[in-house]
Amino acid sequence: MDQITRRQEIIQDNFFKHLKSKGITMSAYALANDLDRTLLSKWKSGVSNMSPEHIYQAASYFNISVNELYYTKNELLRIGAVEAGFEPQIPQKIKLFLNYKPFLRKPVILIFLFVVISVIVSFVAQIIKLNSDYFMIVVFGMLTVSLYILIRYLKRREQFIINYTDDIYYEAKPLKQVSVKLNIYSRIIMFILMILLLVFCILLFTQLEASIAYIMSLYIVVMLLQMMLLIVSVAHIPFRFKVVRYDNQLDGYDLSLLLLSFSSFQFVYILFTLFATTLNIPILILSCLLYSLNIIDFINISKYYNQYEIIFDAHGKPPQKLYQDK
């Protein structure tokens, strides 16, 4: 049943790709083929599937073979290779994959690294703050560099020489059903905490001297950026728990990593730089809650992605693991 559903998705995806490439609207296609416009909308949303007659009609309309609607690009390459007596020795290419396995298994290591970097940056901020009002610019510069280094060198690069007709993909077999609702709720709670934190920071901003008001404004900009990332992450949640991935990045993990870095830098910076203000206690409490939720979310998503294995699907052979983890 799943295979039939997947095949229908491929057919209808190919159909709408051909519509788009030829610049034909759904209304124009429906009119030309004596169809109801709402039927095409149902195909697009997945509510209804194309019948064999509709598939043949579409192939004739686009002046293509039925196979071009029925198969994916890789499947067509395989069919062509078999029909042409293809020999797989020569047309090979190197495919690069980014392996997160060490950090997926031990996400606490990354959390520790973020805290250490944040503490160091906060100490440097205190030293610069004694002599200059421009310390915040230096702090953000250091945070940007440290975050780039972490993300840039976090991934272990893996190269594989494969036949261009073969597939390499990630496959996960969850031990238990993942609760998407729970992740959405946690993101909503984090967003509410960010709004409260923003309100307290704006109140603090009104009490600051003009000479350092711009410093808090930079911090508020960072919080707004994090709130935007939270909104994006909520929309992204349904896609990060897919069982099979054909791309070479775990995007949901990257987004969680970025959110964790923002929250850890904010938490430690507030701890070191706002300790003398009257509004420090509510701000610190909110920051603690926000950081704790980010840590829990990051550990959960790391455990989930740790279940992914790189699978090699060679033509004519059953799928198998591309390599064994050390």
C-alpha atoms as a PDB file:
ATOM      1  CA  MET A   1       0.000   0.000   0.000  1.00  0.00           C
ATOM      2  CA  ASP A   2       2.847   2.355   0.890  1.00  0.00           C
ATOM      3  CA  GLN A   3       4.558   1.575  -2.426  1.00  0.00           C
ATOM      4  CA  ILE A   4       1.358   2.391  -4.349  1.00  0.00           C
ATOM      5  CA  THR A   5       0.967   5.658  -2.445  1.00  0.00           C
ATOM      6  CA  ARG A   6       4.608   6.558  -3.097  1.00  0.00           C
ATOM      7  CA  ARG A   7       4.212   5.792  -6.820  1.00  0.00           C
ATOM      8  CA  GLN A   8       1.126   8.030  -7.031  1.00  0.00           C
ATOM      9  CA  GLU A   9       3.084  10.835  -5.342  1.00  0.00           C
ATOM     10  CA  ILE A  10       5.856  10.455  -7.947  1.00  0.00           C
ATOM     11  CA  ILE A  11       3.368  10.493 -10.850  1.00  0.00           C
ATOM     12  CA  GLN A  12       1.565  13.589  -9.641  1.00  0.00           C
ATOM     13  CA  ASP A  13       4.803  15.348  -8.720  1.00  0.00           C
ATOM     14  CA  ASN A  14       6.126  14.717 -12.257  1.00  0.00           C
ATOM     15  CA  PHE A  15       2.815  15.904 -13.716  1.00  0.00           C
ATOM     16  CA  PHE A  16       2.949  19.278 -11.952  1.00  0.00           C
ATOM     17  CA  LYS A  17       6.653  19.670 -12.767  1.00  0.00           C
ATOM     18  CA  HIS A  18       5.788  19.330 -16.462  1.00  0.00           C
ATOM     19  CA  LEU A  19       2.967  21.847 -16.059  1.00  0.00           C
ATOM     20  CA  LYS A  20       5.345  24.326 -14.437  1.00  0.00           C
ATOM     21  CA  SER A  21       8.190  23.792 -16.930  1.00  0.00           C
ATOM     22  CA  LYS A  22       5.849  24.403 -19.879  1.00  0.00           C
ATOM     23  CA  GLY A  23       4.198  27.413 -18.232  1.00  0.00           C
ATOM     24  CA  ILE A  24       0.729  25.874 -18.329  1.00  0.00           C
ATOM     25  CA  THR A  25      -1.761  26.771 -15.602  1.00  0.00           C
ATOM     26  CA  MET A  26      -4.050  24.168 -14.041  1.00  0.00           C
ATOM     27  CA  SER A  27      -7.073  26.006 -15.416  1.00  0.00           C
ATOM     28  CA  ALA A  28      -5.649  25.955 -18.953  1.00  0.00           C
ATOM     29  CA  TYR A  29      -4.846  22.236 -18.722  1.00  0.00           C
ATOM     30  CA  ALA A  30      -8.296  21.424 -17.353  1.00  0.00           C
ATOM     31  CA  LEU A  31      -9.961  23.393 -20.153  1.00  0.00           C
ATOM     32  CA  ALA A  32      -7.829  21.770 -22.868  1.00  0.00           C
ATOM     33  CA  ASN A  33      -8.547  18.248 -21.598  1.00  0.00           C
ATOM     34  CA  ASP A  34     -12.211  18.718 -20.624  1.00  0.00           C
ATOM     35  CA  LEU A  35     -11.523  18.226 -16.903  1.00  0.00           C
ATOM     36  CA  ASP A  36     -12.806  19.887 -13.756  1.00  0.00           C
ATOM     37  CA  ARG A  37     -10.321  22.413 -12.331  1.00  0.00           C
ATOM     38  CA  THR A  38     -11.026  21.170  -8.794  1.00  0.00           C
ATOM     39  CA  LEU A  39      -9.847  17.685  -9.804  1.00  0.00           C
ATOM     40  CA  LEU A  40      -6.343  19.057 -10.470  1.00  0.00           C
ATOM     41  CA  SER A  41      -6.415  20.800  -7.103  1.00  0.00           C
ATOM     42  CA  LYS A  42      -7.209  17.453  -5.467  1.00  0.00           C
ATOM     43  CA  TRP A  43      -4.247  15.868  -7.276  1.00  0.00           C
ATOM     44  CA  LYS A  44      -1.967  18.630  -6.074  1.00  0.00           C
ATOM     45  CA  SER A  45      -3.104  18.332  -2.443  1.00  0.00           C
ATOM     46  CA  GLY A  46      -2.976  14.527  -2.510  1.00  0.00           C
ATOM     47  CA  VAL A  47      -6.696  14.126  -1.780  1.00  0.00           C
ATOM     48  CA  SER A  48      -7.255  12.295  -5.067  1.00  0.00           C
ATOM     49  CA  ASN A  49      -4.993  10.281  -7.381  1.00  0.00           C
ATOM     50  CA  MET A  50      -4.643  10.293 -11.146  1.00  0.00           C
ATOM     51  CA  SER A  51      -6.329   7.356 -12.855  1.00  0.00           C
ATOM     52  CA  PRO A  52      -4.527   5.374 -15.618  1.00  0.00           C
ATOM     53  CA  GLU A  53      -6.655   7.251 -18.178  1.00  0.00           C
ATOM     54  CA  HIS A  54      -5.584  10.612 -16.729  1.00  0.00           C
ATOM     55  CA  ILE A  55      -1.915   9.532 -16.776  1.00  0.00           C
ATOM     56  CA  TYR A  56      -2.116   8.488 -20.442  1.00  0.00           C
ATOM     57  CA  GLN A  57      -3.998  11.701 -21.274  1.00  0.00           C
ATOM     58  CA  ALA A  58      -1.284  13.797 -19.581  1.00  0.00           C
ATOM     59  CA  ALA A  59       1.521  11.950 -21.386  1.00  0.00           C
ATOM     60  CA  SER A  60      -0.185  12.567 -24.734  1.00  0.00           C
ATOM     61  CA  TYR A  61      -0.761  16.226 -23.892  1.00  0.00           C
ATOM     62  CA  PHE A  62       2.890  16.802 -22.917  1.00  0.00           C
ATOM     63  CA  ASN A  63       4.092  14.655 -25.849  1.00  0.00           C
ATOM     64  CA  ILE A  64       6.152  12.413 -23.556  1.00  0.00           C
ATOM     65  CA  SER A  65       6.163   8.717 -22.695  1.00  0.00           C
ATOM     66  CA  VAL A  66       4.119   7.389 -19.790  1.00  0.00           C
ATOM     67  CA  ASN A  67       7.390   6.284 -18.164  1.00  0.00           C
ATOM     68  CA  GLU A  68       8.458   9.915 -17.799  1.00  0.00           C
ATOM     69  CA  LEU A  69       5.456  10.459 -15.545  1.00  0.00           C
ATOM     70  CA  TYR A  70       5.635   7.089 -13.827  1.00  0.00           C
ATOM     71  CA  TYR A  71       9.320   7.020 -12.806  1.00  0.00           C
ATOM     72  CA  THR A  72      11.757   9.331 -11.033  1.00  0.00           C
ATOM     73  CA  LYS A  73      14.830  10.686 -12.804  1.00  0.00           C
ATOM     74  CA  ASN A  74      17.100   8.096 -11.164  1.00  0.00           C
ATOM     75  CA  GLU A  75      14.731   5.263 -12.044  1.00  0.00           C
ATOM     76  CA  LEU A  76      14.706   6.373 -15.685  1.00  0.00           C
ATOM     77  CA  LEU A  77      18.520   6.398 -15.664  1.00  0.00           C
ATOM     78  CA  ARG A  78      18.534   2.850 -14.339  1.00  0.00           C
ATOM     79  CA  ILE A  79      16.064   1.662 -16.970  1.00  0.00           C
ATOM     80  CA  GLY A  80      18.120   3.317 -19.699  1.00  0.00           C
ATOM     81  CA  ALA A  81      21.315   1.793 -18.327  1.00  0.00           C
ATOM     82  CA  VAL A  82      19.833  -1.720 -18.331  1.00  0.00           C
ATOM     83  CA  GLU A  83      18.391  -1.367 -21.833  1.00  0.00           C
ATOM     84  CA  ALA A  84      21.694  -0.023 -23.204  1.00  0.00           C
ATOM     85  CA  GLY A  85      23.796  -2.784 -21.636  1.00  0.00           C
ATOM     86  CA  PHE A  86      25.367  -0.266 -19.271  1.00  0.00           C
ATOM     87  CA  GLU A  87      28.725  -1.113 -17.658  1.00  0.00           C
ATOM     88  CA  PRO A  88      29.113   0.665 -14.289  1.00  0.00           C
ATOM     89  CA  GLN A  89      32.937   0.858 -14.148  1.00  0.00           C
ATOM     90  CA  ILE A  90      33.542   4.209 -15.882  1.00  0.00           C
ATOM     91  CA  PRO A  91      30.748   6.734 -15.218  1.00  0.00           C
ATOM     92  CA  GLN A  92      31.307   7.224 -11.504  1.00  0.00           C
ATOM     93  CA  LYS A  93      31.422  10.283  -9.307  1.00  0.00           C
ATOM     94  CA  ILE A  94      32.458  11.224  -5.781  1.00  0.00           C
ATOM     95  CA  LYS A  95      29.533  12.037  -3.510  1.00  0.00           C
ATOM     96  CA  LEU A  96      30.112  14.018  -0.315  1.00  0.00           C
ATOM     97  CA  PHE A  97      28.145  13.346   2.861  1.00  0.00           C
ATOM     98  CA  LEU A  98      28.277  15.143   6.180  1.00  0.00           C
ATOM     99  CA  ASN A  99      28.373  12.763   9.100  1.00  0.00           C
ATOM    100  CA  TYR A 100      27.150  14.032  12.493  1.00  0.00           C
ATOM    101  CA  LYS A 101      27.287  10.688  14.298  1.00  0.00           C
ATOM    102  CA  PRO A 102      29.753  11.529  17.137  1.00  0.00           C
ATOM    103  CA  PHE A 103      27.738  14.575  18.225  1.00  0.00           C
ATOM    104  CA  LEU A 104      24.372  12.941  17.639  1.00  0.00           C
ATOM    105  CA  ARG A 105      25.303  10.254  20.138  1.00  0.00           C
ATOM    106  CA  LYS A 106      26.727  12.701  22.698  1.00  0.00           C
ATOM    107  CA  PRO A 107      24.922  16.049  22.312  1.00  0.00           C
ATOM    108  CA  VAL A 108      25.997  17.065  25.843  1.00  0.00           C
ATOM    109  CA  ILE A 109      29.513  17.627  24.452  1.00  0.00           C
ATOM    110  CA  LEU A 110      28.200  20.353  22.151  1.00  0.00           C
ATOM    111  CA  ILE A 111      26.199  21.929  24.967  1.00  0.00           C
ATOM    112  CA  PHE A 112      29.358  22.019  27.089  1.00  0.00           C
ATOM    113  CA  LEU A 113      31.347  23.603  24.236  1.00  0.00           C
ATOM    114  CA  PHE A 114      28.741  26.331  23.792  1.00  0.00           C
ATOM    115  CA  VAL A 115      28.750  27.139  27.504  1.00  0.00           C
ATOM    116  CA  VAL A 116      32.563  27.300  27.642  1.00  0.00           C
ATOM    117  CA  ILE A 117      32.713  29.602  24.614  1.00  0.00           C
ATOM    118  CA  SER A 118      29.957  31.781  26.055  1.00  0.00           C
ATOM    119  CA  VAL A 119      31.738  32.100  29.409  1.00  0.00           C
ATOM    120  CA  ILE A 120      35.011  33.094  27.734  1.00  0.00           C
ATOM    121  CA  VAL A 121      33.267  35.662  25.541  1.00  0.00           C
ATOM    122  CA  SER A 122      31.420  37.087  28.553  1.00  0.00           C
ATOM    123  CA  PHE A 123      34.654  37.509  30.517  1.00  0.00           C
ATOM    124  CA  VAL A 124      36.235  39.279  27.555  1.00  0.00           C
ATOM    125  CA  ALA A 125      33.129  41.474  27.326  1.00  0.00           C
ATOM    126  CA  GLN A 126      33.562  42.538  30.947  1.00  0.00           C
ATOM    127  CA  ILE A 127      37.192  43.526  30.363  1.00  0.00           C
ATOM    128  CA  ILE A 128      36.344  45.524  27.231  1.00  0.00           C
ATOM    129  CA  LYS A 129      33.332  47.085  28.936  1.00  0.00           C
ATOM    130  CA  LEU A 130      35.597  48.789  31.490  1.00  0.00           C
ATOM    131  CA  ASN A 131      37.286  50.891  28.826  1.00  0.00           C
ATOM    132  CA  SER A 132      34.853  51.194  25.934  1.00  0.00           C
ATOM    133  CA  ASP A 133      31.170  51.448  25.123  1.00  0.00           C
ATOM    134  CA  TYR A 134      31.795  49.499  21.912  1.00  0.00           C
ATOM    135  CA  PHE A 135      32.352  46.194  23.720  1.00  0.00           C
ATOM    136  CA  MET A 136      29.064  44.747  22.405  1.00  0.00           C
ATOM    137  CA  ILE A 137      30.259  44.933  18.803  1.00  0.00           C
ATOM    138  CA  VAL A 138      33.386  42.981  19.736  1.00  0.00           C
ATOM    139  CA  VAL A 139      31.258  40.422  21.601  1.00  0.00           C
ATOM    140  CA  PHE A 140      28.994  39.769  18.620  1.00  0.00           C
ATOM    141  CA  GLY A 141      32.031  39.482  16.377  1.00  0.00           C
ATOM    142  CA  MET A 142      33.564  36.844  18.654  1.00  0.00           C
ATOM    143  CA  LEU A 143      30.273  34.961  18.940  1.00  0.00           C
ATOM    144  CA  THR A 144      29.896  34.889  15.163  1.00  0.00           C
ATOM    145  CA  VAL A 145      33.419  33.538  14.681  1.00  0.00           C
ATOM    146  CA  SER A 146      33.054  30.887  17.405  1.00  0.00           C
ATOM    147  CA  LEU A 147      29.689  29.752  16.043  1.00  0.00           C
ATOM    148  CA  TYR A 148      31.117  29.510  12.518  1.00  0.00           C
ATOM    149  CA  ILE A 149      34.038  27.403  13.752  1.00  0.00           C
ATOM    150  CA  LEU A 150      31.727  25.038  15.642  1.00  0.00           C
ATOM    151  CA  ILE A 151      29.315  24.515  12.758  1.00  0.00           C
ATOM    152  CA  ARG A 152      32.072  24.437  10.113  1.00  0.00           C
ATOM    153  CA  TYR A 153      34.107  21.717  11.821  1.00  0.00           C
ATOM    154  CA  LEU A 154      31.279  19.868  13.546  1.00  0.00           C
ATOM    155  CA  LYS A 155      30.630  17.608  10.587  1.00  0.00           C
ATOM    156  CA  ARG A 156      32.903  14.776   9.554  1.00  0.00           C
ATOM    157  CA  ARG A 157      33.071  14.670   5.783  1.00  0.00           C
ATOM    158  CA  GLU A 158      32.612  11.343   4.031  1.00  0.00           C
ATOM    159  CA  GLN A 159      33.337  10.788   0.341  1.00  0.00           C
ATOM    160  CA  PHE A 160      32.026   7.847  -1.664  1.00  0.00           C
ATOM    161  CA  ILE A 161      32.668   6.866  -5.260  1.00  0.00           C
ATOM    162  CA  ILE A 162      29.360   5.628  -6.639  1.00  0.00           C
ATOM    163  CA  ASN A 163      27.648   4.879  -9.896  1.00  0.00           C
ATOM    164  CA  TYR A 164      25.426   7.753 -11.025  1.00  0.00           C
ATOM    165  CA  THR A 165      22.459   5.368 -11.320  1.00  0.00           C
ATOM    166  CA  ASP A 166      22.657   4.471  -7.615  1.00  0.00           C
ATOM    167  CA  ASP A 167      21.065   6.150  -4.624  1.00  0.00           C
ATOM    168  CA  ILE A 168      22.573   7.083  -1.278  1.00  0.00           C
ATOM    169  CA  TYR A 169      20.146   8.245   1.349  1.00  0.00           C
ATOM    170  CA  TYR A 170      19.492   8.443   5.072  1.00  0.00           C
ATOM    171  CA  GLU A 171      17.036   5.976   6.574  1.00  0.00           C
ATOM    172  CA  ALA A 172      15.671   6.024  10.135  1.00  0.00           C
ATOM    173  CA  LYS A 173      13.768   3.310  11.959  1.00  0.00           C
ATOM    174  CA  PRO A 174      12.380   5.019  15.089  1.00  0.00           C
ATOM    175  CA  LEU A 175      12.119   2.796  18.146  1.00  0.00           C
ATOM    176  CA  LYS A 176       8.910   4.584  19.080  1.00  0.00           C
ATOM    177  CA  GLN A 177       6.522   7.009  17.437  1.00  0.00           C
ATOM    178  CA  VAL A 178       7.758  10.594  17.619  1.00  0.00           C
ATOM    179  CA  SER A 179       5.341  13.121  19.099  1.00  0.00           C
ATOM    180  CA  VAL A 180       5.382  16.074  16.720  1.00  0.00           C
ATOM    181  CA  LYS A 181       2.787  17.883  18.856  1.00  0.00           C
ATOM    182  CA  LEU A 182       5.105  17.823  21.869  1.00  0.00           C
ATOM    183  CA  ASN A 183       7.856  19.522  19.857  1.00  0.00           C
ATOM    184  CA  ILE A 184       5.443  22.135  18.544  1.00  0.00           C
ATOM    185  CA  TYR A 185       4.187  22.863  22.064  1.00  0.00           C
ATOM    186  CA  SER A 186       7.741  23.274  23.365  1.00  0.00           C
ATOM    187  CA  ARG A 187       8.492  25.725  20.543  1.00  0.00           C
ATOM    188  CA  ILE A 188       5.357  27.729  21.353  1.00  0.00           C
ATOM    189  CA  ILE A 189       6.364  27.887  25.029  1.00  0.00           C
ATOM    190  CA  MET A 190       9.839  29.060  24.008  1.00  0.00           C
ATOM    191  CA  PHE A 191       8.299  31.733  21.807  1.00  0.00           C
ATOM    192  CA  ILE A 192       6.159  32.999  24.714  1.00  0.00           C
ATOM    193  CA  LEU A 193       9.242  33.093  26.948  1.00  0.00           C
ATOM    194  CA  MET A 194      11.079  35.060  24.265  1.00  0.00           C
ATOM    195  CA  ILE A 195       8.255  37.624  24.166  1.00  0.00           C
ATOM    196  CA  LEU A 196       8.414  38.035  27.960  1.00  0.00           C
ATOM    197  CA  LEU A 197      12.196  38.310  27.821  1.00  0.00           C
ATOM    198  CA  LEU A 198      11.911  40.914  25.080  1.00  0.00           C
ATOM    199  CA  VAL A 199       9.453  42.954  27.183  1.00  0.00           C
ATOM    200  CA  PHE A 200      11.793  42.976  30.180  1.00  0.00           C
ATOM    201  CA  CYS A 201      14.757  43.938  28.010  1.00  0.00           C
ATOM    202  CA  ILE A 202      12.784  46.812  26.461  1.00  0.00           C
ATOM    203  CA  LEU A 203      11.875  47.999  29.980  1.00  0.00           C
ATOM    204  CA  LEU A 204      15.540  47.853  30.880  1.00  0.00           C
ATOM    205  CA  PHE A 205      16.372  49.696  27.665  1.00  0.00           C
ATOM    206  CA  THR A 206      14.222  52.661  28.792  1.00  0.00           C
ATOM    207  CA  GLN A 207      16.253  52.928  32.013  1.00  0.00           C
ATOM    208  CA  LEU A 208      19.686  52.897  30.405  1.00  0.00           C
ATOM    209  CA  GLU A 209      21.876  55.882  29.734  1.00  0.00           C
ATOM    210  CA  ALA A 210      21.974  57.091  26.156  1.00  0.00           C
ATOM    211  CA  SER A 211      25.657  56.148  25.841  1.00  0.00           C
ATOM    212  CA  ILE A 212      24.956  52.425  26.248  1.00  0.00           C
ATOM    213  CA  ALA A 213      21.364  52.252  24.990  1.00  0.00           C
ATOM    214  CA  TYR A 214      22.559  51.155  21.560  1.00  0.00           C
ATOM    215  CA  ILE A 215      24.250  48.151  23.179  1.00  0.00           C
ATOM    216  CA  MET A 216      20.948  46.831  24.495  1.00  0.00           C
ATOM    217  CA  SER A 217      19.371  47.560  21.108  1.00  0.00           C
ATOM    218  CA  LEU A 218      21.869  45.164  19.505  1.00  0.00           C
ATOM    219  CA  TYR A 219      20.915  42.526  22.039  1.00  0.00           C
ATOM    220  CA  ILE A 220      17.214  43.068  21.286  1.00  0.00           C
ATOM    221  CA  VAL A 221      17.941  42.596  17.573  1.00  0.00           C
ATOM    222  CA  VAL A 222      19.522  39.222  18.367  1.00  0.00           C
ATOM    223  CA  MET A 223      16.432  38.205  20.332  1.00  0.00           C
ATOM    224  CA  LEU A 224      14.182  39.159  17.425  1.00  0.00           C
ATOM    225  CA  LEU A 225      16.338  37.019  15.143  1.00  0.00           C
ATOM    226  CA  GLN A 226      15.981  34.075  17.517  1.00  0.00           C
ATOM    227  CA  MET A 227      12.200  34.543  17.602  1.00  0.00           C
ATOM    228  CA  MET A 228      12.162  34.402  13.816  1.00  0.00           C
ATOM    229  CA  LEU A 229      14.152  31.146  13.935  1.00  0.00           C
ATOM    230  CA  LEU A 230      11.647  29.730  16.414  1.00  0.00           C
ATOM    231  CA  ILE A 231       8.788  30.459  14.005  1.00  0.00           C
ATOM    232  CA  VAL A 232      10.701  28.812  11.146  1.00  0.00           C
ATOM    233  CA  SER A 233      11.472  25.786  13.328  1.00  0.00           C
ATOM    234  CA  VAL A 234       7.776  25.254  14.143  1.00  0.00           C
ATOM    235  CA  ALA A 235       6.936  25.202  10.434  1.00  0.00           C
ATOM    236  CA  HIS A 236       9.878  22.850   9.827  1.00  0.00           C
ATOM    237  CA  ILE A 237       9.005  20.262  12.519  1.00  0.00           C
ATOM    238  CA  PRO A 238       6.756  17.988  10.376  1.00  0.00           C
ATOM    239  CA  PHE A 239       9.598  17.622   7.846  1.00  0.00           C
ATOM    240  CA  ARG A 240      12.373  16.798  10.296  1.00  0.00           C
ATOM    241  CA  PHE A 241      10.837  13.484  11.396  1.00  0.00           C
ATOM    242  CA  LYS A 242      10.746  11.848   7.982  1.00  0.00           C
ATOM    243  CA  VAL A 243      11.795   8.199   7.889  1.00  0.00           C
ATOM    244  CA  VAL A 244      13.782   8.568   4.651  1.00  0.00           C
ATOM    245  CA  ARG A 245      15.911  11.499   3.489  1.00  0.00           C
ATOM    246  CA  TYR A 246      17.543  11.818   0.102  1.00  0.00           C
ATOM    247  CA  ASP A 247      19.525  14.944   0.933  1.00  0.00           C
ATOM    248  CA  ASN A 248      22.950  15.071   2.591  1.00  0.00           C
ATOM    249  CA  GLN A 249      22.112  17.289   5.567  1.00  0.00           C
ATOM    250  CA  LEU A 250      20.034  16.866   8.699  1.00  0.00           C
ATOM    251  CA  ASP A 251      18.380  20.273   8.519  1.00  0.00           C
ATOM    252  CA  GLY A 252      16.303  19.908  11.673  1.00  0.00           C
ATOM    253  CA  TYR A 253      19.455  19.178  13.631  1.00  0.00           C
ATOM    254  CA  ASP A 254      21.214  22.234  12.188  1.00  0.00           C
ATOM    255  CA  LEU A 255      18.294  24.461  13.146  1.00  0.00           C
ATOM    256  CA  SER A 256      18.192  23.074  16.697  1.00  0.00           C
ATOM    257  CA  LEU A 257      21.945  23.614  16.955  1.00  0.00           C
ATOM    258  CA  LEU A 258      21.569  27.249  15.910  1.00  0.00           C
ATOM    259  CA  LEU A 259      18.776  27.834  18.437  1.00  0.00           C
ATOM    260  CA  LEU A 260      20.861  26.236  21.178  1.00  0.00           C
ATOM    261  CA  SER A 261      23.832  28.464  20.361  1.00  0.00           C
ATOM    262  CA  PHE A 262      21.689  31.604  20.502  1.00  0.00           C
ATOM    263  CA  SER A 263      20.126  30.663  23.822  1.00  0.00           C
ATOM    264  CA  SER A 264      23.434  29.665  25.456  1.00  0.00           C
ATOM    265  CA  PHE A 265      25.132  32.895  24.400  1.00  0.00           C
ATOM    266  CA  GLN A 266      22.174  34.923  25.646  1.00  0.00           C
ATOM    267  CA  PHE A 267      21.962  33.060  28.937  1.00  0.00           C
ATOM    268  CA  VAL A 268      25.625  33.404  29.879  1.00  0.00           C
ATOM    269  CA  TYR A 269      25.847  36.980  28.639  1.00  0.00           C
ATOM    270  CA  ILE A 270      22.889  38.022  30.793  1.00  0.00           C
ATOM    271  CA  LEU A 271      24.394  36.172  33.734  1.00  0.00           C
ATOM    272  CA  PHE A 272      27.630  38.160  33.484  1.00  0.00           C
ATOM    273  CA  THR A 273      26.529  41.573  32.228  1.00  0.00           C
ATOM    274  CA  LEU A 274      23.124  42.314  33.784  1.00  0.00           C
ATOM    275  CA  PHE A 275      23.792  41.149  37.313  1.00  0.00           C
ATOM    276  CA  ALA A 276      23.609  44.629  38.834  1.00  0.00           C
ATOM    277  CA  THR A 277      20.236  45.692  37.415  1.00  0.00           C
ATOM    278  CA  THR A 278      16.904  45.488  39.236  1.00  0.00           C
ATOM    279  CA  LEU A 279      15.350  43.656  36.300  1.00  0.00           C
ATOM    280  CA  ASN A 280      18.071  41.022  36.297  1.00  0.00           C
ATOM    281  CA  ILE A 281      16.129  38.438  38.363  1.00  0.00           C
ATOM    282  CA  PRO A 282      13.085  38.038  36.032  1.00  0.00           C
ATOM    283  CA  ILE A 283      15.347  38.222  32.974  1.00  0.00           C
ATOM    284  CA  LEU A 284      17.650  35.585  34.439  1.00  0.00           C
ATOM    285  CA  ILE A 285      14.734  33.281  35.342  1.00  0.00           C
ATOM    286  CA  LEU A 286      13.274  33.556  31.837  1.00  0.00           C
ATOM    287  CA  SER A 287      16.695  32.921  30.308  1.00  0.00           C
ATOM    288  CA  CYS A 288      17.153  29.814  32.482  1.00  0.00           C
ATOM    289  CA  LEU A 289      13.782  28.426  31.382  1.00  0.00           C
ATOM    290  CA  LEU A 290      14.468  29.204  27.734  1.00  0.00           C
ATOM    291  CA  TYR A 291      17.921  27.641  27.821  1.00  0.00           C
ATOM    292  CA  SER A 292      16.620  24.536  29.643  1.00  0.00           C
ATOM    293  CA  LEU A 293      13.925  23.994  27.006  1.00  0.00           C
ATOM    294  CA  ASN A 294      16.485  24.391  24.229  1.00  0.00           C
ATOM    295  CA  ILE A 295      18.760  21.830  25.880  1.00  0.00           C
ATOM    296  CA  ILE A 296      15.926  19.302  26.252  1.00  0.00           C
ATOM    297  CA  ASP A 297      14.855  19.838  22.643  1.00  0.00           C
ATOM    298  CA  PHE A 298      18.414  19.533  21.344  1.00  0.00           C
ATOM    299  CA  ILE A 299      19.044  16.281  23.236  1.00  0.00           C
ATOM    300  CA  ASN A 300      15.758  14.792  21.982  1.00  0.00           C
ATOM    301  CA  ILE A 301      16.377  15.699  18.355  1.00  0.00           C
ATOM    302  CA  SER A 302      19.964  14.408  18.607  1.00  0.00           C
ATOM    303  CA  LYS A 303      18.727  11.044  19.902  1.00  0.00           C
ATOM    304  CA  TYR A 304      16.201  10.853  17.072  1.00  0.00           C
ATOM    305  CA  TYR A 305      18.690  11.689  14.318  1.00  0.00           C
ATOM    306  CA  ASN A 306      21.146   9.218  15.825  1.00  0.00           C
ATOM    307  CA  GLN A 307      18.849   6.505  14.436  1.00  0.00           C
ATOM    308  CA  TYR A 308      19.590   7.532  10.829  1.00  0.00           C
ATOM    309  CA  GLU A 309      21.908   5.281   8.854  1.00  0.00           C
ATOM    310  CA  ILE A 310      23.404   5.960   5.422  1.00  0.00           C
ATOM    311  CA  ILE A 311      21.936   3.399   3.020  1.00  0.00           C
ATOM    312  CA  PHE A 312      23.407   2.442  -0.360  1.00  0.00           C
ATOM    313  CA  ASP A 313      20.842   1.331  -2.935  1.00  0.00           C
ATOM    314  CA  ALA A 314      22.668  -0.222  -5.889  1.00  0.00           C
ATOM    315  CA  HIS A 315      20.828  -1.239  -9.024  1.00  0.00           C
ATOM    316  CA  GLY A 316      19.786  -4.874  -8.828  1.00  0.00           C
ATOM    317  CA  LYS A 317      20.953  -5.255  -5.217  1.00  0.00           C
ATOM    318  CA  PRO A 318      19.060  -4.919  -1.938  1.00  0.00           C
ATOM    319  CA  PRO A 319      19.681  -1.713   0.058  1.00  0.00           C
ATOM    320  CA  GLN A 320      22.508  -1.979   2.551  1.00  0.00           C
ATOM    321  CA  LYS A 321      24.480   0.237   4.917  1.00  0.00           C
ATOM    322  CA  LEU A 322      27.137   2.177   3.078  1.00  0.00           C
ATOM    323  CA  TYR A 323      29.605   1.878   5.930  1.00  0.00           C
ATOM    324  CA  GLN A 324      29.758   0.620   9.485  1.00  0.00           C
ATOM    325  CA  ASP A 325      30.216   3.219  12.217  1.00  0.00           C
ATOM    326  CA  LYS A 326      33.351   2.811  14.282  1.00  0.00           C
END
